[in-house]
Amino acid sequence: MLTISRELVDKIIAHARADHPDEACGVIAGPIGADSPRRFVAMANAERSPTFYRFDSLEQLRVWREMDDLDEEPVVIYHSHTSTEAYPSRTDISYASEPNAHYVLVSTREELGEEAEFRSYRILEGVVTEEEVKIVPA
């Protein structure tokens, strides 16, 4: 189960809406081994695409080094889908490389109106498992 603050959920959704119609992406870092998302890091989608995302390699290196320096790890890796449901694509699954991370997807497709579909998954060795999301006050 992913336990995450309302503030962080709102930041992910706001980033997804701001980058729409392109996919948004980023990380929420937290203390190593604590499974506790704390520090929101919005990242640029190097692809600038409505159907695909990729972290910029230099930005990713900088963010991962910063996490190392702060004794953090990527607790949540998030991105948005702009016209499909919030479920990992084959590409998303093949790129999932952090075994301890929660992979959050947000859908900003038009038919959802004001709502955003917010779902979390564990992806390990190509196997996708949806998990419950518990949103707590900040």
Foldseek 3Di string as FASTA:
>chain_A
DQEEAPVQVVVQVVQCVVLPVAKWWWFFKDAPPPLYGDRTDTADFPVSHNADGDGDPVVVVVVCVVCVVVNIDGQEIEMEHEADAFDDDQVNLVPPDDQNHKYWYWYNYPVCPPDIHIWTWGRDPSDTDTDDYHYDHD
